[in-house]
Amino acid sequence: MSERRWGILVGLLIAAFIGGTVWMQVRRTTRSPYDARPSTYNPSPPGLMAFYNYLDESGYHVERWLRPLAELGEAMHPPAILVLATPSHRTVSEEDAKALLQWVKHGGVLIYLVDFELLPGSQAEKLHLLLRLPVERHRPSYFRISSEPVTDASPTLPYPLVEGVHDLSVQNSADLLPAARNAVTLFSDAAGPALLWRPLGEGEIFVARSAASLSNQAILSGDNLRFWLRVLHGVPGAGPVAFVEYYLGYSKRASQSAWSRRDVRLALLQTLLVSIVLILAMGKRFGGRVRILDQSRRSSLEYVDSMAQLFRRAGAEEHVRAETLRRFLAAATRALGLPRGAPVAEISHRLSELTGRPQDDIDALLVHHDALETLPWARALARLETETHERTARAHA
């Protein structure tokens, strides 16, 4: 067979491969069943798949928690943040609730999304009791809460956490007014408190009136994405962001049945088609010889230098410095056990006591840093943050 015919045959196979892949993906998307669970496996409007995928693709360390909460203490790398929707398919035992309580008290951050199931009652009575969260429905209903309209709630107080956040899109699925007596109301609307914050030991709890603010339907509504990313940025430590799926009906056993998953079958088909194309095209030349240009290895420092020049040309250097300082102050505030929004002078004084450095040196990094070049200043901040975490870890050991 001539090279021209081989080229036409291979081109047709590639076109068939692309067309079949697109058709299967479109068919898979259009036939996705509607699911009301606020799960990261759920592509329907009430699900959290969009937010989970966004964090994963943005470089965050995310995972799905497919075990009882009682196993939190056995994890090799315990999560720094847990996202938990009101359990609907499995009951939270007293052991699970106590393990979660201890995890929060030791510095964990819990984002609790109130989203009741169809039937009356809650699968999380022990959890609500131990966390002192008297959450109630507004009214008995046999309609899933996800069918409620999405409304906007406004900030209640000028906390640093909500600075620049004008509204949070939520649903009216529960009455948080009883729980608000022991917490700080961050957002509210005409229906009452929409988002609460409460410290617990060394950790903290966020209670949302519904899962809508993280859902596929509303994550881009209002300032939802901006607010929740700000919450994640304010949590120090290298632990992952874990989305609890176990109490929504998922488990390790279900997740391991990969052969029954449609995306796995699609990947196998793609591999088969690519293998056929490669076998048919093996040893065939579809053009003249092309000389390979010499490749020279470049240092990674060239990339850093290029990015720095781009920031300077764009006039964004001051923005980068301000964001770097904000993240450092948030991490230092958490490590030193200070309240959010603590004055820079107090943070500087506590860092001086902790590290033994002269306070003038620390003030030069936190207050008078305009006189320093950006890159050396950022390196000095990174070393100070590392030293702070190491000394606080020794103090707690």
Protein backbone atom coordinates (compact mmCIF):
# COMPACT_ATOMS: atom_id res chain seq x y z
CA MET A 1 0.00 0.00 0.00
CA SER A 2 1.33 3.45 -0.93
CA GLU A 3 2.29 6.03 1.68
CA ARG A 4 -0.57 8.26 0.53
CA ARG A 5 -3.17 5.55 1.19
CA TRP A 6 -1.58 4.81 4.56
CA GLY A 7 -1.84 8.49 5.43
CA ILE A 8 -5.51 8.62 4.42
CA LEU A 9 -6.28 5.46 6.45
CA VAL A 10 -4.54 6.75 9.55
CA GLY A 11 -6.29 10.13 9.18
CA LEU A 12 -9.69 8.41 9.00
CA LEU A 13 -8.90 6.34 12.09
CA ILE A 14 -7.87 9.43 14.02
CA ALA A 15 -11.05 11.24 12.93
CA ALA A 16 -13.15 8.22 13.99
CA PHE A 17 -11.34 8.13 17.34
CA ILE A 18 -11.98 11.84 18.03
CA GLY A 19 -15.60 11.62 16.91
CA GLY A 20 -16.29 8.53 19.03
CA THR A 21 -14.71 10.10 22.09
CA VAL A 22 -16.73 13.30 21.73
CA TRP A 23 -19.96 11.33 21.19
CA MET A 24 -19.43 9.17 24.27
CA GLN A 25 -18.59 12.22 26.41
CA VAL A 26 -21.68 14.11 25.25
CA ARG A 27 -23.84 11.02 25.79
CA ARG A 28 -22.41 10.60 29.28
CA THR A 29 -23.06 14.26 30.15
CA THR A 30 -26.62 14.37 28.84
CA ARG A 31 -27.59 11.14 30.60
CA SER A 32 -26.20 11.99 34.04
CA PRO A 33 -29.03 11.25 36.52
CA TYR A 34 -30.23 13.96 38.86
CA ASP A 35 -28.97 13.42 42.39
CA ALA A 36 -29.91 15.65 45.35
CA ARG A 37 -26.96 14.70 47.55
CA PRO A 38 -24.35 17.45 48.21
CA SER A 39 -21.56 15.10 47.14
CA THR A 40 -18.33 15.67 45.21
CA TYR A 41 -19.33 12.68 43.05
CA ASN A 42 -22.54 14.46 42.02
CA PRO A 43 -22.52 16.56 38.78
CA SER A 44 -26.16 17.64 39.33
CA PRO A 45 -26.93 21.20 40.52
CA PRO A 46 -26.98 20.26 44.29
CA GLY A 47 -23.61 18.44 44.08
CA LEU A 48 -20.16 19.74 45.04
CA MET A 49 -18.23 18.27 42.10
CA ALA A 50 -17.42 21.65 40.50
CA PHE A 51 -15.87 23.07 43.67
CA TYR A 52 -13.90 19.86 44.34
CA ASN A 53 -12.53 19.76 40.78
CA TYR A 54 -11.66 23.46 40.92
CA LEU A 55 -9.60 22.97 44.09
CA ASP A 56 -7.92 19.87 42.68
CA GLU A 57 -6.97 21.58 39.40
CA SER A 58 -5.79 24.70 41.28
CA GLY A 59 -3.18 22.74 43.23
CA TYR A 60 -4.99 22.26 46.55
CA HIS A 61 -4.50 18.95 48.38
CA VAL A 62 -8.04 17.55 48.36
CA GLU A 63 -9.42 14.11 49.08
CA ARG A 64 -12.70 12.29 49.64
CA TRP A 65 -13.22 10.85 53.14
CA LEU A 66 -14.84 7.44 52.65
CA ARG A 67 -14.57 6.09 56.22
CA PRO A 68 -16.31 6.73 59.55
CA LEU A 69 -15.15 9.83 61.39
CA ALA A 70 -14.00 7.58 64.25
CA GLU A 71 -10.93 6.79 62.10
CA LEU A 72 -9.75 10.42 62.02
CA GLY A 73 -7.12 9.68 64.64
CA GLU A 74 -5.73 6.75 62.61
CA ALA A 75 -5.06 8.76 59.44
CA MET A 76 -1.39 9.03 58.43
CA HIS A 77 -1.99 12.56 57.13
CA PRO A 78 -5.00 13.95 59.04
CA PRO A 79 -6.99 16.58 57.14
CA ALA A 80 -6.66 20.24 58.06
CA ILE A 81 -10.21 21.01 56.89
CA LEU A 82 -13.31 18.79 56.82
CA VAL A 83 -16.33 19.63 54.66
CA LEU A 84 -19.30 17.72 56.10
CA ALA A 85 -22.91 17.83 54.93
CA THR A 86 -25.68 16.72 57.28
CA PRO A 87 -25.53 12.88 57.22
CA SER A 88 -28.42 11.40 55.24
CA HIS A 89 -27.55 7.78 54.40
CA ARG A 90 -25.60 6.69 57.48
CA THR A 91 -26.00 7.61 61.14
CA VAL A 92 -23.18 9.34 63.00
CA SER A 93 -22.35 7.20 66.02
CA GLU A 94 -21.32 8.60 69.37
CA GLU A 95 -17.76 7.40 68.71
CA ASP A 96 -17.73 9.25 65.37
CA ALA A 97 -19.02 12.45 66.97
CA LYS A 98 -16.44 12.34 69.78
CA ALA A 99 -13.60 11.75 67.30
CA LEU A 100 -14.72 14.76 65.26
CA LEU A 101 -15.00 16.87 68.40
CA GLN A 102 -11.43 16.01 69.47
CA TRP A 103 -10.13 16.65 65.95
CA VAL A 104 -11.62 20.17 65.96
CA LYS A 105 -10.31 20.91 69.45
CA HIS A 106 -6.79 19.99 68.30
CA GLY A 107 -6.82 22.60 65.50
CA GLY A 108 -9.09 21.20 62.77
CA VAL A 109 -11.49 23.40 60.80
CA LEU A 110 -14.97 21.98 60.21
CA ILE A 111 -17.25 23.36 57.48
CA TYR A 112 -20.68 21.96 58.32
CA LEU A 113 -23.35 22.23 55.59
CA VAL A 114 -26.88 21.82 56.96
CA ASP A 115 -28.86 19.89 54.33
CA PHE A 116 -31.64 17.70 55.75
CA GLU A 117 -32.93 14.57 54.05
CA LEU A 118 -36.52 13.95 52.92
CA LEU A 119 -37.68 12.04 55.99
CA PRO A 120 -38.30 13.76 59.35
CA GLY A 121 -35.51 13.60 61.90
CA SER A 122 -31.77 13.80 61.51
CA GLN A 123 -29.05 11.16 61.22
CA ALA A 124 -26.72 13.47 63.19
CA GLU A 125 -28.40 13.98 66.57
CA LYS A 126 -25.30 12.91 68.55
CA LEU A 127 -23.12 15.14 66.38
CA HIS A 128 -25.34 18.18 66.96
CA LEU A 129 -25.46 17.45 70.69
CA LEU A 130 -21.69 17.19 71.20
CA LEU A 131 -20.92 20.21 69.00
CA ARG A 132 -23.70 22.20 70.70
CA LEU A 133 -25.47 22.96 67.43
CA PRO A 134 -29.24 23.11 68.05
CA VAL A 135 -30.15 23.13 64.34
CA GLU A 136 -33.85 22.94 63.41
CA ARG A 137 -35.91 22.95 60.22
CA HIS A 138 -38.11 25.88 59.42
CA ARG A 139 -41.00 23.58 58.61
CA PRO A 140 -41.70 19.86 57.94
CA SER A 141 -41.38 19.18 54.22
CA TYR A 142 -41.36 16.18 51.91
CA PHE A 143 -39.49 18.15 49.26
CA ARG A 144 -35.73 18.03 49.08
CA ILE A 145 -34.12 21.22 50.40
CA SER A 146 -32.19 21.57 47.14
CA SER A 147 -35.46 22.64 45.45
CA GLU A 148 -35.55 25.80 47.57
CA PRO A 149 -34.69 29.04 45.75
CA VAL A 150 -31.21 30.51 46.11
CA THR A 151 -31.14 33.88 47.88
CA ASP A 152 -28.36 36.28 48.85
CA ALA A 153 -27.30 36.87 52.46
CA SER A 154 -25.29 39.92 53.53
CA PRO A 155 -22.35 40.27 55.96
CA THR A 156 -23.37 41.23 59.50
CA LEU A 157 -20.12 42.60 60.98
CA PRO A 158 -16.90 43.99 59.44
CA TYR A 159 -14.71 40.96 60.22
CA PRO A 160 -11.49 40.62 58.18
CA LEU A 161 -12.74 37.28 56.91
CA VAL A 162 -15.70 38.91 55.12
CA GLU A 163 -13.91 42.03 53.95
CA GLY A 164 -14.74 42.61 50.29
CA VAL A 165 -17.45 39.90 50.32
CA HIS A 166 -20.74 41.60 49.53
CA ASP A 167 -23.16 38.67 49.56
CA LEU A 168 -23.28 34.90 49.98
CA SER A 169 -25.78 32.87 47.94
CA VAL A 170 -27.52 30.33 50.19
CA GLN A 171 -30.78 28.44 50.65
CA ASN A 172 -33.23 28.56 53.53
CA SER A 173 -33.07 24.94 54.70
CA ALA A 174 -32.78 25.30 58.48
CA ASP A 175 -33.18 27.64 61.41
CA LEU A 176 -29.75 28.58 62.79
CA LEU A 177 -31.09 31.10 65.29
CA PRO A 178 -30.78 28.73 68.32
CA ALA A 179 -27.19 27.85 67.33
CA ALA A 180 -26.35 31.53 66.78
CA ARG A 181 -26.55 32.19 70.53
CA ASN A 182 -23.18 30.43 70.98
CA ALA A 183 -21.57 31.60 67.73
CA VAL A 184 -20.76 34.64 65.61
CA THR A 185 -23.17 35.33 62.74
CA LEU A 186 -21.11 36.14 59.64
CA PHE A 187 -23.98 36.37 57.12
CA SER A 188 -27.74 36.77 57.52
CA ASP A 189 -30.85 37.70 55.53
CA ALA A 190 -34.55 38.18 56.17
CA ALA A 191 -34.90 34.49 57.13
CA GLY A 192 -32.26 34.75 59.87
CA PRO A 193 -28.59 33.69 60.26
CA ALA A 194 -27.14 32.11 57.12
CA LEU A 195 -23.55 31.36 58.15
CA LEU A 196 -22.10 31.00 61.66
CA TRP A 197 -18.53 30.83 62.96
CA ARG A 198 -17.50 29.47 66.34
CA PRO A 199 -14.06 28.68 67.81
CA LEU A 200 -13.69 25.35 69.58
CA GLY A 201 -10.43 24.63 71.40
CA GLU A 202 -7.64 25.30 68.91
CA GLY A 203 -9.97 24.78 65.95
CA GLU A 204 -13.07 26.40 64.55
CA ILE A 205 -16.43 25.53 63.03
CA PHE A 206 -18.30 27.16 60.13
CA VAL A 207 -22.01 26.29 59.97
CA ALA A 208 -23.82 27.09 56.70
CA ARG A 209 -27.60 27.09 56.52
CA SER A 210 -27.44 24.93 53.39
CA ALA A 211 -24.97 23.29 51.03
CA ALA A 212 -25.97 25.70 48.24
CA SER A 213 -23.04 28.08 48.72
CA LEU A 214 -20.65 25.29 47.61
CA SER A 215 -22.98 23.61 45.10
CA ASN A 216 -22.52 23.29 41.34
CA GLN A 217 -25.53 25.55 40.92
CA ALA A 218 -24.38 28.48 43.09
CA ILE A 219 -20.59 28.27 43.61
CA LEU A 220 -20.12 31.12 41.11
CA SER A 221 -23.09 33.13 42.42
CA GLY A 222 -22.46 36.19 44.53
CA ASP A 223 -19.11 36.00 46.32
CA ASN A 224 -19.38 32.31 47.27
CA LEU A 225 -16.11 31.18 45.65
CA ARG A 226 -14.17 34.19 46.94
CA PHE A 227 -15.34 33.68 50.53
CA TRP A 228 -14.67 29.93 50.76
CA LEU A 229 -11.23 30.28 49.16
CA ARG A 230 -10.45 32.93 51.77
CA VAL A 231 -11.46 30.44 54.49
CA LEU A 232 -9.12 27.81 53.02
CA HIS A 233 -6.23 30.28 52.73
CA GLY A 234 -6.55 31.19 56.39
CA VAL A 235 -5.89 27.64 57.60
CA PRO A 236 -2.19 26.83 58.16
CA GLY A 237 -0.65 23.39 57.90
CA ALA A 238 -0.06 20.85 55.15
CA GLY A 239 -3.13 18.68 55.79
CA PRO A 240 -5.59 18.10 52.94
CA VAL A 241 -9.08 19.48 52.47
CA ALA A 242 -11.29 16.41 52.98
CA PHE A 243 -14.89 16.15 51.79
CA VAL A 244 -16.79 13.60 53.90
CA GLU A 245 -18.66 11.23 51.57
CA TYR A 246 -19.16 8.28 53.92
CA TYR A 247 -22.40 9.57 55.50
CA LEU A 248 -23.85 10.36 52.06
CA GLY A 249 -23.77 6.68 51.14
CA TYR A 250 -20.29 6.30 49.64
CA SER A 251 -17.51 4.09 50.92
CA LYS A 252 -14.15 2.64 49.92
CA ARG A 253 -15.72 -0.54 48.64
CA ALA A 254 -17.96 1.35 46.24
CA SER A 255 -15.14 3.55 45.03
CA GLN A 256 -12.91 0.58 44.20
CA SER A 257 -15.29 -0.95 41.63
CA ALA A 258 -13.46 0.84 38.82
CA TRP A 259 -14.43 -1.59 36.04
CA SER A 260 -18.08 -0.57 36.30
CA ARG A 261 -17.30 3.13 35.91
CA ARG A 262 -18.06 4.70 32.55
CA ASP A 263 -15.01 6.95 32.53
CA VAL A 264 -12.74 3.91 33.01
CA ARG A 265 -14.35 2.12 30.07
CA LEU A 266 -13.95 5.28 27.99
CA ALA A 267 -10.25 5.46 28.88
CA LEU A 268 -9.77 1.80 27.89
CA LEU A 269 -11.46 2.43 24.54
CA GLN A 270 -9.25 5.45 23.94
CA THR A 271 -6.14 3.38 24.74
CA LEU A 272 -7.28 0.64 22.33
CA LEU A 273 -7.90 3.07 19.47
CA VAL A 274 -4.56 4.84 20.00
CA SER A 275 -2.78 1.47 20.04
CA ILE A 276 -4.40 0.49 16.71
CA VAL A 277 -3.34 3.78 15.13
CA LEU A 278 0.23 3.39 16.40
CA ILE A 279 0.47 -0.21 15.14
CA LEU A 280 -0.77 0.74 11.66
CA ALA A 281 1.48 3.79 11.50
CA MET A 282 4.59 1.99 12.79
CA GLY A 283 7.52 2.27 10.41
CA LYS A 284 5.67 4.61 8.05
CA ARG A 285 7.04 8.00 7.06
CA PHE A 286 4.51 10.70 6.22
CA GLY A 287 6.98 13.36 5.10
CA GLY A 288 10.61 14.21 4.55
CA ARG A 289 13.34 14.10 7.13
CA VAL A 290 13.44 17.06 9.50
CA ARG A 291 16.58 17.91 11.42
CA ILE A 292 16.08 18.03 15.19
CA LEU A 293 17.17 21.33 16.63
CA ASP A 294 19.70 21.30 19.44
CA GLN A 295 18.03 21.58 22.82
CA SER A 296 19.70 23.50 25.62
CA ARG A 297 18.71 23.06 29.25
CA ARG A 298 17.67 26.20 31.04
CA SER A 299 17.85 26.96 34.73
CA SER A 300 14.61 27.25 36.68
CA LEU A 301 15.88 30.60 37.96
CA GLU A 302 15.30 32.02 34.47
CA TYR A 303 11.59 31.28 34.90
CA VAL A 304 11.51 33.01 38.30
CA ASP A 305 13.37 36.03 36.89
CA SER A 306 10.99 36.21 33.91
CA MET A 307 7.93 36.09 36.18
CA ALA A 308 9.38 38.84 38.35
CA GLN A 309 9.92 41.04 35.28
CA LEU A 310 6.34 40.41 34.15
CA PHE A 311 4.99 41.43 37.56
CA ARG A 312 7.05 44.62 37.46
CA ARG A 313 5.94 45.51 33.94
CA ALA A 314 2.30 44.88 34.85
CA GLY A 315 2.62 47.02 37.97
CA ALA A 316 1.46 44.08 40.10
CA GLU A 317 4.49 43.87 42.39
CA GLU A 318 2.77 45.76 45.20
CA HIS A 319 -0.25 43.45 44.95
CA VAL A 320 2.02 40.40 45.26
CA ARG A 321 3.76 41.89 48.32
CA ALA A 322 0.43 42.73 49.97
CA GLU A 323 -0.96 39.22 49.36
CA THR A 324 2.25 37.58 50.63
CA LEU A 325 2.16 39.67 53.81
CA ARG A 326 -1.56 38.95 54.34
CA ARG A 327 -1.04 35.19 54.12
CA PHE A 328 1.94 35.34 56.49
CA LEU A 329 0.00 37.37 59.08
CA ALA A 330 -2.93 34.92 58.88
CA ALA A 331 -0.63 31.92 59.41
CA ALA A 332 1.27 33.65 62.23
CA THR A 333 -1.99 34.64 63.94
CA ARG A 334 -3.13 31.01 63.93
CA ALA A 335 0.22 29.67 65.10
CA LEU A 336 0.44 32.16 67.98
CA GLY A 337 -3.16 31.58 69.09
CA LEU A 338 -4.15 35.21 68.53
CA PRO A 339 -7.64 36.28 67.45
CA ARG A 340 -8.26 37.09 63.80
CA GLY A 341 -7.48 40.69 62.90
CA ALA A 342 -4.89 41.07 65.69
CA PRO A 343 -2.73 44.21 65.31
CA VAL A 344 0.57 43.81 63.47
CA ALA A 345 2.43 45.29 66.46
CA GLU A 346 1.12 42.53 68.74
CA ILE A 347 2.01 39.83 66.19
CA SER A 348 5.52 41.29 65.88
CA HIS A 349 5.96 41.36 69.67
CA ARG A 350 4.82 37.74 70.07
CA LEU A 351 7.07 36.57 67.22
CA SER A 352 10.03 38.30 68.88
CA GLU A 353 9.32 36.51 72.16
CA LEU A 354 8.88 33.17 70.42
CA THR A 355 11.90 33.22 68.11
CA GLY A 356 14.27 35.35 70.20
CA ARG A 357 14.86 37.73 67.31
CA PRO A 358 15.06 41.48 67.96
CA GLN A 359 11.68 43.09 67.44
CA ASP A 360 13.27 45.74 65.20
CA ASP A 361 14.27 42.97 62.77
CA ILE A 362 10.74 41.57 62.69
CA ASP A 363 9.25 45.08 62.32
CA ALA A 364 11.52 45.55 59.32
CA LEU A 365 9.79 42.58 57.66
CA LEU A 366 6.20 43.31 58.72
CA VAL A 367 5.99 47.12 58.93
CA HIS A 368 8.91 48.79 57.18
CA HIS A 369 9.29 46.23 54.38
CA ASP A 370 8.95 48.81 51.57
CA ALA A 371 12.67 49.47 51.83
CA LEU A 372 13.49 45.82 51.02
CA GLU A 373 13.57 44.20 47.61
CA THR A 374 10.65 41.86 46.97
CA LEU A 375 12.47 38.54 46.47
CA PRO A 376 14.85 38.76 49.50
CA TRP A 377 11.95 40.03 51.62
CA ALA A 378 9.74 37.08 50.61
CA ARG A 379 12.56 34.62 51.40
CA ALA A 380 13.02 36.19 54.84
CA LEU A 381 9.27 35.92 55.53
CA ALA A 382 9.31 32.25 54.51
CA ARG A 383 12.21 31.51 56.88
CA LEU A 384 10.44 33.33 59.71
CA GLU A 385 7.22 31.37 59.09
CA THR A 386 9.10 28.07 59.10
CA GLU A 387 10.87 28.96 62.35
CA THR A 388 7.55 30.03 63.93
CA HIS A 389 5.86 26.70 63.11
CA GLU A 390 8.85 24.70 64.34
CA ARG A 391 8.98 26.51 67.69
CA THR A 392 5.21 26.32 68.25
CA ALA A 393 5.33 22.61 67.46
CA ARG A 394 8.07 22.10 70.05
CA ALA A 395 6.07 24.08 72.59
CA HIS A 396 3.02 21.86 72.08
CA ALA A 397 5.06 18.62 72.10
